[in-house]
Amino acid sequence: MMRDEDEAHDLVRTHLERSIPHAHVAVLSRNNSANRLTATSLPDGSPLERSLRELGWLIEVKPGAGPSS
């Protein structure tokens, strides 16, 4: 059982990064009130972040634990 949404996102991210070689996972969540996305652990300068911001869909990037080893 996860304590909160951020912990659940970290679990999903960690599982996928360990299962897929050389993968970097960003978890996107929908902010219902703003009808936008919040991302967790996007790398600085990520093409995905840049594209989402240009489209006006991304409102926040939360720091994540980073890629798993």
Protein backbone atom coordinates (compact mmCIF):
# COMPACT_ATOMS: atom_id res chain seq x y z
CA MET A 1 0.00 0.00 0.00
CA MET A 2 1.38 3.39 -0.98
CA ARG A 3 1.14 6.35 1.40
CA ASP A 4 0.44 8.92 -1.30
CA GLU A 5 0.22 9.54 -5.04
CA ASP A 6 3.87 10.59 -5.36
CA GLU A 7 5.03 7.34 -3.78
CA ALA A 8 2.82 5.36 -6.20
CA HIS A 9 4.26 7.29 -9.16
CA ASP A 10 7.78 6.56 -7.95
CA LEU A 11 6.98 2.84 -7.68
CA VAL A 12 5.65 2.73 -11.27
CA ARG A 13 8.63 4.73 -12.57
CA THR A 14 11.16 2.53 -10.76
CA HIS A 15 9.51 -0.69 -11.95
CA LEU A 16 9.49 0.41 -15.59
CA GLU A 17 13.06 1.74 -15.53
CA ARG A 18 14.31 -1.54 -14.06
CA SER A 19 12.28 -3.61 -16.55
CA ILE A 20 13.24 -1.73 -19.73
CA PRO A 21 16.97 -1.36 -20.46
CA HIS A 22 18.17 2.26 -20.84
CA ALA A 23 14.67 3.60 -20.14
CA HIS A 24 13.89 6.91 -18.49
CA VAL A 25 10.30 7.19 -17.32
CA ALA A 26 8.28 10.34 -16.71
CA VAL A 27 4.94 9.95 -14.95
CA LEU A 28 2.28 12.37 -16.19
CA SER A 29 -0.76 13.20 -14.07
CA ARG A 30 -3.79 15.19 -15.11
CA ASN A 31 -4.68 18.24 -13.05
CA ASN A 32 -8.47 18.26 -13.34
CA SER A 33 -9.03 21.83 -12.20
CA ALA A 34 -6.55 23.31 -14.68
CA ASN A 35 -7.05 20.62 -17.36
CA ARG A 36 -3.26 20.37 -17.65
CA LEU A 37 -0.52 17.84 -16.91
CA THR A 38 1.92 17.56 -14.05
CA ALA A 39 5.08 15.58 -14.79
CA THR A 40 7.39 13.76 -12.42
CA SER A 41 11.12 13.33 -13.08
CA LEU A 42 11.51 14.81 -16.55
CA PRO A 43 15.19 15.43 -17.27
CA ASP A 44 16.29 19.05 -17.73
CA GLY A 45 15.89 20.10 -21.34
CA SER A 46 13.71 17.11 -22.16
CA PRO A 47 12.12 17.28 -25.64
CA LEU A 48 8.89 15.98 -24.04
CA GLU A 49 8.84 18.82 -21.51
CA ARG A 50 9.56 21.39 -24.22
CA SER A 51 6.77 20.05 -26.45
CA LEU A 52 4.21 19.90 -23.64
CA ARG A 53 5.04 23.47 -22.58
CA GLU A 54 4.77 24.74 -26.17
CA LEU A 55 1.32 23.17 -26.41
CA GLY A 56 0.32 24.74 -23.09
CA TRP A 57 -0.41 21.35 -21.53
CA LEU A 58 2.27 21.21 -18.86
CA ILE A 59 1.79 23.25 -15.70
CA GLU A 60 4.35 21.76 -13.32
CA VAL A 61 7.38 19.49 -13.24
CA LYS A 62 7.84 17.81 -9.88
CA PRO A 63 11.29 16.53 -8.99
CA GLY A 64 11.41 12.77 -8.91
CA ALA A 65 13.92 10.36 -7.50
CA GLY A 66 15.68 10.24 -10.88
CA PRO A 67 16.59 7.20 -12.92
CA SER A 68 17.01 3.96 -11.00
CA SER A 69 20.28 2.06 -11.03
